[in-house]
Amino acid sequence: MPNMKLVLQIALGVFLGTIASQLTIDVWRTHQESIAQKATEKLRAEQERARAEQGERIRALLLQSRQGKTLGAGKLPAGFVPDDAQEETFKEK
């Protein structure tokens, strides 16, 4: 019977070791998923912030363009130097 007691102790040790290793793997996986989720959320937040900034710049340029049309239609800003294609357009007018 001493062999039976040894076999039961070994079986119990293997069983408890298996449970402990599975628990460790589950905790590690959960931790890794949490890290990945935080990284994804951070990336989305940065993209959203960039979109918002880009939208504000576009909005400001549109407002600036509209104000320029109403205030000084046809006037070029001071110090404006047109490129070759624009010079030909202005010469035609």
PDB file of N, CA and C in Angstrom:
ATOM      1  N   MET A   1       0.794  -1.209   0.000  1.00  0.00           N
ATOM      2  CA  MET A   1       0.000   0.000   0.000  1.00  0.00           C
ATOM      3  C   MET A   1       0.836   1.272   0.000  1.00  0.00           C
ATOM      4  N   PRO A   2       2.089   1.247   0.397  1.00  0.00           N
ATOM      5  CA  PRO A   2       2.868   2.480   0.344  1.00  0.00           C
ATOM      6  C   PRO A   2       3.000   2.984  -1.097  1.00  0.00           C
ATOM      7  N   ASN A   3       2.986   2.077  -2.066  1.00  0.00           N
ATOM      8  CA  ASN A   3       3.065   2.494  -3.457  1.00  0.00           C
ATOM      9  C   ASN A   3       1.812   3.250  -3.882  1.00  0.00           C
ATOM     10  N   MET A   4       0.682   2.839  -3.367  1.00  0.00           N
ATOM     11  CA  MET A   4      -0.587   3.498  -3.702  1.00  0.00           C
ATOM     12  C   MET A   4      -0.592   4.928  -3.175  1.00  0.00           C
ATOM     13  N   LYS A   5      -0.061   5.129  -1.990  1.00  0.00           N
ATOM     14  CA  LYS A   5      -0.010   6.458  -1.402  1.00  0.00           C
ATOM     15  C   LYS A   5       0.918   7.351  -2.248  1.00  0.00           C
ATOM     16  N   LEU A   6       2.032   6.825  -2.691  1.00  0.00           N
ATOM     17  CA  LEU A   6       2.962   7.570  -3.521  1.00  0.00           C
ATOM     18  C   LEU A   6       2.323   7.930  -4.864  1.00  0.00           C
ATOM     19  N   VAL A   7       1.592   7.004  -5.457  1.00  0.00           N
ATOM     20  CA  VAL A   7       0.910   7.255  -6.729  1.00  0.00           C
ATOM     21  C   VAL A   7      -0.137   8.349  -6.559  1.00  0.00           C
ATOM     22  N   LEU A   8      -0.887   8.306  -5.480  1.00  0.00           N
ATOM     23  CA  LEU A   8      -1.899   9.348  -5.226  1.00  0.00           C
ATOM     24  C   LEU A   8      -1.238  10.712  -5.024  1.00  0.00           C
ATOM     25  N   GLN A   9      -0.116  10.744  -4.325  1.00  0.00           N
ATOM     26  CA  GLN A   9       0.584  12.012  -4.110  1.00  0.00           C
ATOM     27  C   GLN A   9       1.101  12.578  -5.446  1.00  0.00           C
ATOM     28  N   ILE A  10       1.640  11.701  -6.277  1.00  0.00           N
ATOM     29  CA  ILE A  10       2.124  12.146  -7.586  1.00  0.00           C
ATOM     30  C   ILE A  10       0.957  12.642  -8.442  1.00  0.00           C
ATOM     31  N   ALA A  11      -0.147  11.906  -8.454  1.00  0.00           N
ATOM     32  CA  ALA A  11      -1.319  12.305  -9.241  1.00  0.00           C
ATOM     33  C   ALA A  11      -1.859  13.643  -8.757  1.00  0.00           C
ATOM     34  N   LEU A  12      -1.919  13.816  -7.433  1.00  0.00           N
ATOM     35  CA  LEU A  12      -2.396  15.088  -6.878  1.00  0.00           C
ATOM     36  C   LEU A  12      -1.445  16.220  -7.256  1.00  0.00           C
ATOM     37  N   GLY A  13      -0.147  15.970  -7.207  1.00  0.00           N
ATOM     38  CA  GLY A  13       0.843  16.983  -7.583  1.00  0.00           C
ATOM     39  C   GLY A  13       0.714  17.375  -9.046  1.00  0.00           C
ATOM     40  N   VAL A  14       0.530  16.386  -9.933  1.00  0.00           N
ATOM     41  CA  VAL A  14       0.360  16.674 -11.357  1.00  0.00           C
ATOM     42  C   VAL A  14      -0.918  17.464 -11.585  1.00  0.00           C
ATOM     43  N   PHE A  15      -1.993  17.063 -10.922  1.00  0.00           N
ATOM     44  CA  PHE A  15      -3.272  17.755 -11.056  1.00  0.00           C
ATOM     45  C   PHE A  15      -3.151  19.208 -10.604  1.00  0.00           C
ATOM     46  N   LEU A  16      -2.577  19.435  -9.424  1.00  0.00           N
ATOM     47  CA  LEU A  16      -2.436  20.797  -8.906  1.00  0.00           C
ATOM     48  C   LEU A  16      -1.468  21.622  -9.768  1.00  0.00           C
ATOM     49  N   GLY A  17      -0.424  20.993 -10.269  1.00  0.00           N
ATOM     50  CA  GLY A  17       0.513  21.686 -11.152  1.00  0.00           C
ATOM     51  C   GLY A  17      -0.151  22.110 -12.450  1.00  0.00           C
ATOM     52  N   THR A  18      -0.991  21.233 -13.002  1.00  0.00           N
ATOM     53  CA  THR A  18      -1.713  21.550 -14.232  1.00  0.00           C
ATOM     54  C   THR A  18      -2.666  22.716 -14.016  1.00  0.00           C
ATOM     55  N   ILE A  19      -3.382  22.679 -12.897  1.00  0.00           N
ATOM     56  CA  ILE A  19      -4.315  23.776 -12.587  1.00  0.00           C
ATOM     57  C   ILE A  19      -3.548  25.082 -12.407  1.00  0.00           C
ATOM     58  N   ALA A  20      -2.431  25.041 -11.695  1.00  0.00           N
ATOM     59  CA  ALA A  20      -1.642  26.258 -11.460  1.00  0.00           C
ATOM     60  C   ALA A  20      -1.094  26.816 -12.774  1.00  0.00           C
ATOM     61  N   SER A  21      -0.601  25.943 -13.649  1.00  0.00           N
ATOM     62  CA  SER A  21      -0.058  26.430 -14.915  1.00  0.00           C
ATOM     63  C   SER A  21      -1.161  27.014 -15.801  1.00  0.00           C
ATOM     64  N   GLN A  22      -2.327  26.389 -15.813  1.00  0.00           N
ATOM     65  CA  GLN A  22      -3.441  26.907 -16.609  1.00  0.00           C
ATOM     66  C   GLN A  22      -3.891  28.265 -16.083  1.00  0.00           C
ATOM     67  N   LEU A  23      -3.946  28.408 -14.767  1.00  0.00           N
ATOM     68  CA  LEU A  23      -4.322  29.678 -14.156  1.00  0.00           C
ATOM     69  C   LEU A  23      -3.297  30.762 -14.516  1.00  0.00           C
ATOM     70  N   THR A  24      -2.026  30.419 -14.473  1.00  0.00           N
ATOM     71  CA  THR A  24      -0.966  31.360 -14.823  1.00  0.00           C
ATOM     72  C   THR A  24      -1.082  31.792 -16.283  1.00  0.00           C
ATOM     73  N   ILE A  25      -1.329  30.845 -17.165  1.00  0.00           N
ATOM     74  CA  ILE A  25      -1.485  31.166 -18.587  1.00  0.00           C
ATOM     75  C   ILE A  25      -2.699  32.062 -18.812  1.00  0.00           C
ATOM     76  N   ASP A  26      -3.801  31.771 -18.144  1.00  0.00           N
ATOM     77  CA  ASP A  26      -5.007  32.597 -18.288  1.00  0.00           C
ATOM     78  C   ASP A  26      -4.762  34.022 -17.811  1.00  0.00           C
ATOM     79  N   VAL A  27      -4.078  34.168 -16.688  1.00  0.00           N
ATOM     80  CA  VAL A  27      -3.782  35.505 -16.158  1.00  0.00           C
ATOM     81  C   VAL A  27      -2.864  36.247 -17.122  1.00  0.00           C
ATOM     82  N   TRP A  28      -1.858  35.572 -17.656  1.00  0.00           N
ATOM     83  CA  TRP A  28      -0.927  36.195 -18.584  1.00  0.00           C
ATOM     84  C   TRP A  28      -1.640  36.628 -19.865  1.00  0.00           C
ATOM     85  N   ARG A  29      -2.513  35.767 -20.392  1.00  0.00           N
ATOM     86  CA  ARG A  29      -3.276  36.110 -21.602  1.00  0.00           C
ATOM     87  C   ARG A  29      -4.172  37.320 -21.378  1.00  0.00           C
ATOM     88  N   THR A  30      -4.840  37.331 -20.240  1.00  0.00           N
ATOM     89  CA  THR A  30      -5.709  38.464 -19.910  1.00  0.00           C
ATOM     90  C   THR A  30      -4.900  39.750 -19.840  1.00  0.00           C
ATOM     91  N   HIS A  31      -3.743  39.669 -19.236  1.00  0.00           N
ATOM     92  CA  HIS A  31      -2.867  40.834 -19.126  1.00  0.00           C
ATOM     93  C   HIS A  31      -2.421  41.307 -20.513  1.00  0.00           C
ATOM     94  N   GLN A  32      -2.026  40.391 -21.378  1.00  0.00           N
ATOM     95  CA  GLN A  32      -1.592  40.741 -22.732  1.00  0.00           C
ATOM     96  C   GLN A  32      -2.740  41.350 -23.541  1.00  0.00           C
ATOM     97  N   GLU A  33      -3.933  40.804 -23.392  1.00  0.00           N
ATOM     98  CA  GLU A  33      -5.099  41.355 -24.088  1.00  0.00           C
ATOM     99  C   GLU A  33      -5.399  42.763 -23.601  1.00  0.00           C
ATOM    100  N   SER A  34      -5.238  42.988 -22.307  1.00  0.00           N
ATOM    101  CA  SER A  34      -5.461  44.315 -21.738  1.00  0.00           C
ATOM    102  C   SER A  34      -4.462  45.313 -22.308  1.00  0.00           C
ATOM    103  N   ILE A  35      -3.214  44.911 -22.403  1.00  0.00           N
ATOM    104  CA  ILE A  35      -2.190  45.787 -22.966  1.00  0.00           C
ATOM    105  C   ILE A  35      -2.515  46.110 -24.427  1.00  0.00           C
ATOM    106  N   ALA A  36      -2.902  45.104 -25.192  1.00  0.00           N
ATOM    107  CA  ALA A  36      -3.238  45.313 -26.609  1.00  0.00           C
ATOM    108  C   ALA A  36      -4.454  46.229 -26.749  1.00  0.00           C
ATOM    109  N   GLN A  37      -5.437  46.050 -25.893  1.00  0.00           N
ATOM    110  CA  GLN A  37      -6.641  46.873 -25.954  1.00  0.00           C
ATOM    111  C   GLN A  37      -6.309  48.333 -25.621  1.00  0.00           C
ATOM    112  N   LYS A  38      -5.463  48.547 -24.622  1.00  0.00           N
ATOM    113  CA  LYS A  38      -5.070  49.916 -24.272  1.00  0.00           C
ATOM    114  C   LYS A  38      -4.310  50.566 -25.412  1.00  0.00           C
ATOM    115  N   ALA A  39      -3.440  49.805 -26.067  1.00  0.00           N
ATOM    116  CA  ALA A  39      -2.683  50.344 -27.200  1.00  0.00           C
ATOM    117  C   ALA A  39      -3.623  50.711 -28.344  1.00  0.00           C
ATOM    118  N   THR A  40      -4.621  49.870 -28.593  1.00  0.00           N
ATOM    119  CA  THR A  40      -5.596  50.142 -29.651  1.00  0.00           C
ATOM    120  C   THR A  40      -6.407  51.391 -29.326  1.00  0.00           C
ATOM    121  N   GLU A  41      -6.841  51.514 -28.079  1.00  0.00           N
ATOM    122  CA  GLU A  41      -7.606  52.692 -27.675  1.00  0.00           C
ATOM    123  C   GLU A  41      -6.767  53.954 -27.793  1.00  0.00           C
ATOM    124  N   LYS A  42      -5.494  53.867 -27.430  1.00  0.00           N
ATOM    125  CA  LYS A  42      -4.603  55.021 -27.527  1.00  0.00           C
ATOM    126  C   LYS A  42      -4.433  55.430 -28.984  1.00  0.00           C
ATOM    127  N   LEU A  43      -4.250  54.444 -29.868  1.00  0.00           N
ATOM    128  CA  LEU A  43      -4.102  54.727 -31.293  1.00  0.00           C
ATOM    129  C   LEU A  43      -5.361  55.366 -31.857  1.00  0.00           C
ATOM    130  N   ARG A  44      -6.514  54.850 -31.484  1.00  0.00           N
ATOM    131  CA  ARG A  44      -7.784  55.432 -31.958  1.00  0.00           C
ATOM    132  C   ARG A  44      -7.953  56.862 -31.467  1.00  0.00           C
ATOM    133  N   ALA A  45      -7.576  57.102 -30.207  1.00  0.00           N
ATOM    134  CA  ALA A  45      -7.685  58.452 -29.655  1.00  0.00           C
ATOM    135  C   ALA A  45      -6.763  59.414 -30.398  1.00  0.00           C
ATOM    136  N   GLU A  46      -5.543  58.961 -30.718  1.00  0.00           N
ATOM    137  CA  GLU A  46      -4.619  59.805 -31.463  1.00  0.00           C
ATOM    138  C   GLU A  46      -5.155  60.086 -32.869  1.00  0.00           C
ATOM    139  N   GLN A  47      -5.727  59.063 -33.509  1.00  0.00           N
ATOM    140  CA  GLN A  47      -6.293  59.258 -34.847  1.00  0.00           C
ATOM    141  C   GLN A  47      -7.475  60.224 -34.797  1.00  0.00           C
ATOM    142  N   GLU A  48      -8.313  60.085 -33.786  1.00  0.00           N
ATOM    143  CA  GLU A  48      -9.466  60.969 -33.639  1.00  0.00           C
ATOM    144  C   GLU A  48      -9.011  62.406 -33.395  1.00  0.00           C
ATOM    145  N   ARG A  49      -7.985  62.565 -32.568  1.00  0.00           N
ATOM    146  CA  ARG A  49      -7.448  63.894 -32.286  1.00  0.00           C
ATOM    147  C   ARG A  49      -6.873  64.511 -33.578  1.00  0.00           C
ATOM    148  N   ALA A  50      -6.167  63.696 -34.357  1.00  0.00           N
ATOM    149  CA  ALA A  50      -5.598  64.183 -35.622  1.00  0.00           C
ATOM    150  C   ALA A  50      -6.711  64.580 -36.585  1.00  0.00           C
ATOM    151  N   ARG A  51      -7.780  63.775 -36.651  1.00  0.00           N
ATOM    152  CA  ARG A  51      -8.919  64.112 -37.521  1.00  0.00           C
ATOM    153  C   ARG A  51      -9.571  65.420 -37.090  1.00  0.00           C
ATOM    154  N   ALA A  52      -9.717  65.587 -35.780  1.00  0.00           N
ATOM    155  CA  ALA A  52     -10.343  66.809 -35.276  1.00  0.00           C
ATOM    156  C   ALA A  52      -9.478  68.024 -35.603  1.00  0.00           C
ATOM    157  N   GLU A  53      -8.162  67.899 -35.421  1.00  0.00           N
ATOM    158  CA  GLU A  53      -7.268  69.008 -35.743  1.00  0.00           C
ATOM    159  C   GLU A  53      -7.304  69.311 -37.239  1.00  0.00           C
ATOM    160  N   GLN A  54      -7.327  68.280 -38.045  1.00  0.00           N
ATOM    161  CA  GLN A  54      -7.385  68.467 -39.493  1.00  0.00           C
ATOM    162  C   GLN A  54      -8.705  69.142 -39.892  1.00  0.00           C
ATOM    163  N   GLY A  55      -9.795  68.716 -39.266  1.00  0.00           N
ATOM    164  CA  GLY A  55     -11.091  69.333 -39.529  1.00  0.00           C
ATOM    165  C   GLY A  55     -11.101  70.801 -39.148  1.00  0.00           C
ATOM    166  N   GLU A  56     -10.474  71.120 -38.024  1.00  0.00           N
ATOM    167  CA  GLU A  56     -10.403  72.526 -37.601  1.00  0.00           C
ATOM    168  C   GLU A  56      -9.570  73.350 -38.580  1.00  0.00           C
ATOM    169  N   ARG A  57      -8.466  72.781 -39.060  1.00  0.00           N
ATOM    170  CA  ARG A  57      -7.634  73.508 -40.031  1.00  0.00           C
ATOM    171  C   ARG A  57      -8.406  73.750 -41.324  1.00  0.00           C
ATOM    172  N   ILE A  58      -9.119  72.719 -41.776  1.00  0.00           N
ATOM    173  CA  ILE A  58      -9.917  72.864 -43.008  1.00  0.00           C
ATOM    174  C   ILE A  58     -10.996  73.915 -42.810  1.00  0.00           C
ATOM    175  N   ARG A  59     -11.665  73.861 -41.668  1.00  0.00           N
ATOM    176  CA  ARG A  59     -12.717  74.830 -41.362  1.00  0.00           C
ATOM    177  C   ARG A  59     -12.153  76.249 -41.333  1.00  0.00           C
ATOM    178  N   ALA A  60     -10.990  76.408 -40.708  1.00  0.00           N
ATOM    179  CA  ALA A  60     -10.366  77.738 -40.635  1.00  0.00           C
ATOM    180  C   ALA A  60      -9.977  78.228 -42.026  1.00  0.00           C
ATOM    181  N   LEU A  61      -9.450  77.329 -42.855  1.00  0.00           N
ATOM    182  CA  LEU A  61      -9.088  77.727 -44.218  1.00  0.00           C
ATOM    183  C   LEU A  61     -10.321  78.100 -45.033  1.00  0.00           C
ATOM    184  N   LEU A  62     -11.404  77.350 -44.866  1.00  0.00           N
ATOM    185  CA  LEU A  62     -12.634  77.682 -45.583  1.00  0.00           C
ATOM    186  C   LEU A  62     -13.183  79.033 -45.144  1.00  0.00           C
ATOM    187  N   LEU A  63     -13.179  79.261 -43.834  1.00  0.00           N
ATOM    188  CA  LEU A  63     -13.655  80.552 -43.339  1.00  0.00           C
ATOM    189  C   LEU A  63     -12.763  81.680 -43.836  1.00  0.00           C
ATOM    190  N   GLN A  64     -11.457  81.434 -43.826  1.00  0.00           N
ATOM    191  CA  GLN A  64     -10.514  82.439 -44.308  1.00  0.00           C
ATOM    192  C   GLN A  64     -10.744  82.700 -45.795  1.00  0.00           C
ATOM    193  N   SER A  65     -11.007  81.648 -46.541  1.00  0.00           N
ATOM    194  CA  SER A  65     -11.262  81.789 -47.970  1.00  0.00           C
ATOM    195  C   SER A  65     -12.545  82.582 -48.212  1.00  0.00           C
ATOM    196  N   ARG A  66     -13.587  82.273 -47.461  1.00  0.00           N
ATOM    197  CA  ARG A  66     -14.860  82.990 -47.623  1.00  0.00           C
ATOM    198  C   ARG A  66     -14.708  84.453 -47.250  1.00  0.00           C
ATOM    199  N   GLN A  67     -13.987  84.736 -46.187  1.00  0.00           N
ATOM    200  CA  GLN A  67     -13.776  86.121 -45.780  1.00  0.00           C
ATOM    201  C   GLN A  67     -12.964  86.860 -46.823  1.00  0.00           C
ATOM    202  N   GLY A  68     -12.001  86.165 -47.419  1.00  0.00           N
ATOM    203  CA  GLY A  68     -11.189  86.783 -48.472  1.00  0.00           C
ATOM    204  C   GLY A  68     -12.019  87.115 -49.687  1.00  0.00           C
ATOM    205  N   LYS A  69     -12.998  86.279 -50.024  1.00  0.00           N
ATOM    206  CA  LYS A  69     -13.863  86.525 -51.182  1.00  0.00           C
ATOM    207  C   LYS A  69     -14.766  87.716 -50.938  1.00  0.00           C
ATOM    208  N   THR A  70     -15.274  87.852 -49.724  1.00  0.00           N
ATOM    209  CA  THR A  70     -16.202  88.940 -49.447  1.00  0.00           C
ATOM    210  C   THR A  70     -15.482  90.261 -49.214  1.00  0.00           C
ATOM    211  N   LEU A  71     -14.300  90.215 -48.591  1.00  0.00           N
ATOM    212  CA  LEU A  71     -13.599  91.460 -48.286  1.00  0.00           C
ATOM    213  C   LEU A  71     -12.838  92.015 -49.471  1.00  0.00           C
ATOM    214  N   GLY A  72     -12.040  91.198 -50.084  1.00  0.00           N
ATOM    215  CA  GLY A  72     -11.206  91.717 -51.163  1.00  0.00           C
ATOM    216  C   GLY A  72     -11.268  90.818 -52.371  1.00  0.00           C
ATOM    217  N   ALA A  73     -12.392  90.769 -53.001  1.00  0.00           N
ATOM    218  CA  ALA A  73     -12.546  89.896 -54.166  1.00  0.00           C
ATOM    219  C   ALA A  73     -11.625  90.375 -55.273  1.00  0.00           C
ATOM    220  N   GLY A  74     -10.765  89.479 -55.743  1.00  0.00           N
ATOM    221  CA  GLY A  74      -9.867  89.815 -56.825  1.00  0.00           C
ATOM    222  C   GLY A  74      -8.548  90.421 -56.381  1.00  0.00           C
ATOM    223  N   LYS A  75      -8.417  90.806 -55.140  1.00  0.00           N
ATOM    224  CA  LYS A  75      -7.162  91.380 -54.657  1.00  0.00           C
ATOM    225  C   LYS A  75      -6.202  90.256 -54.285  1.00  0.00           C
ATOM    226  N   LEU A  76      -4.948  90.473 -54.623  1.00  0.00           N
ATOM    227  CA  LEU A  76      -3.919  89.516 -54.219  1.00  0.00           C
ATOM    228  C   LEU A  76      -3.304  89.994 -52.913  1.00  0.00           C
ATOM    229  N   PRO A  77      -2.916  89.095 -52.055  1.00  0.00           N
ATOM    230  CA  PRO A  77      -2.308  89.508 -50.793  1.00  0.00           C
ATOM    231  C   PRO A  77      -0.979  90.223 -51.038  1.00  0.00           C
ATOM    232  N   ALA A  78      -0.602  91.072 -50.108  1.00  0.00           N
ATOM    233  CA  ALA A  78       0.656  91.804 -50.229  1.00  0.00           C
ATOM    234  C   ALA A  78       1.812  90.818 -50.233  1.00  0.00           C
ATOM    235  N   GLY A  79       2.764  91.024 -51.122  1.00  0.00           N
ATOM    236  CA  GLY A  79       3.918  90.155 -51.207  1.00  0.00           C
ATOM    237  C   GLY A  79       3.665  88.857 -51.943  1.00  0.00           C
ATOM    238  N   PHE A  80       2.540  88.741 -52.628  1.00  0.00           N
ATOM    239  CA  PHE A  80       2.204  87.512 -53.350  1.00  0.00           C
ATOM    240  C   PHE A  80       3.009  87.443 -54.629  1.00  0.00           C
ATOM    241  N   VAL A  81       3.680  86.318 -54.855  1.00  0.00           N
ATOM    242  CA  VAL A  81       4.463  86.111 -56.075  1.00  0.00           C
ATOM    243  C   VAL A  81       3.866  84.907 -56.783  1.00  0.00           C
ATOM    244  N   PRO A  82       3.176  85.118 -57.909  1.00  0.00           N
ATOM    245  CA  PRO A  82       2.539  83.997 -58.598  1.00  0.00           C
ATOM    246  C   PRO A  82       3.574  83.120 -59.308  1.00  0.00           C
ATOM    247  N   ASP A  83       3.248  81.854 -59.488  1.00  0.00           N
ATOM    248  CA  ASP A  83       4.132  80.979 -60.258  1.00  0.00           C
ATOM    249  C   ASP A  83       3.836  81.174 -61.748  1.00  0.00           C
ATOM    250  N   ASP A  84       4.547  80.485 -62.595  1.00  0.00           N
ATOM    251  CA  ASP A  84       4.426  80.676 -64.047  1.00  0.00           C
ATOM    252  C   ASP A  84       3.005  80.461 -64.560  1.00  0.00           C
ATOM    253  N   ALA A  85       2.342  79.422 -64.087  1.00  0.00           N
ATOM    254  CA  ALA A  85       0.992  79.127 -64.569  1.00  0.00           C
ATOM    255  C   ALA A  85       0.026  80.241 -64.172  1.00  0.00           C
ATOM    256  N   GLN A  86       0.184  80.777 -62.982  1.00  0.00           N
ATOM    257  CA  GLN A  86      -0.691  81.852 -62.542  1.00  0.00           C
ATOM    258  C   GLN A  86      -0.390  83.147 -63.278  1.00  0.00           C
ATOM    259  N   GLU A  87       0.877  83.403 -63.611  1.00  0.00           N
ATOM    260  CA  GLU A  87       1.225  84.621 -64.341  1.00  0.00           C
ATOM    261  C   GLU A  87       0.538  84.649 -65.697  1.00  0.00           C
ATOM    262  N   GLU A  88       0.488  83.494 -66.380  1.00  0.00           N
ATOM    263  CA  GLU A  88      -0.159  83.427 -67.679  1.00  0.00           C
ATOM    264  C   GLU A  88      -1.653  83.690 -67.546  1.00  0.00           C
ATOM    265  N   THR A  89      -2.273  83.190 -66.479  1.00  0.00           N
ATOM    266  CA  THR A  89      -3.691  83.402 -66.252  1.00  0.00           C
ATOM    267  C   THR A  89      -3.968  84.880 -66.034  1.00  0.00           C
ATOM    268  N   PHE A  90      -3.115  85.550 -65.249  1.00  0.00           N
ATOM    269  CA  PHE A  90      -3.344  86.956 -64.985  1.00  0.00           C
ATOM    270  C   PHE A  90      -3.076  87.815 -66.215  1.00  0.00           C
ATOM    271  N   LYS A  91      -2.146  87.412 -67.072  1.00  0.00           N
ATOM    272  CA  LYS A  91      -1.868  88.156 -68.285  1.00  0.00           C
ATOM    273  C   LYS A  91      -3.056  88.083 -69.248  1.00  0.00           C
ATOM    274  N   GLU A  92      -3.735  86.938 -69.264  1.00  0.00           N
ATOM    275  CA  GLU A  92      -4.889  86.766 -70.151  1.00  0.00           C
ATOM    276  C   GLU A  92      -6.027  87.682 -69.735  1.00  0.00           C
ATOM    277  N   LYS A  93      -6.170  87.925 -68.449  1.00  0.00           N
ATOM    278  CA  LYS A  93      -7.283  88.756 -67.960  1.00  0.00           C
ATOM    279  C   LYS A  93      -6.926  90.173 -68.200  1.00  0.00           C
TER     280      LYS A  93
END
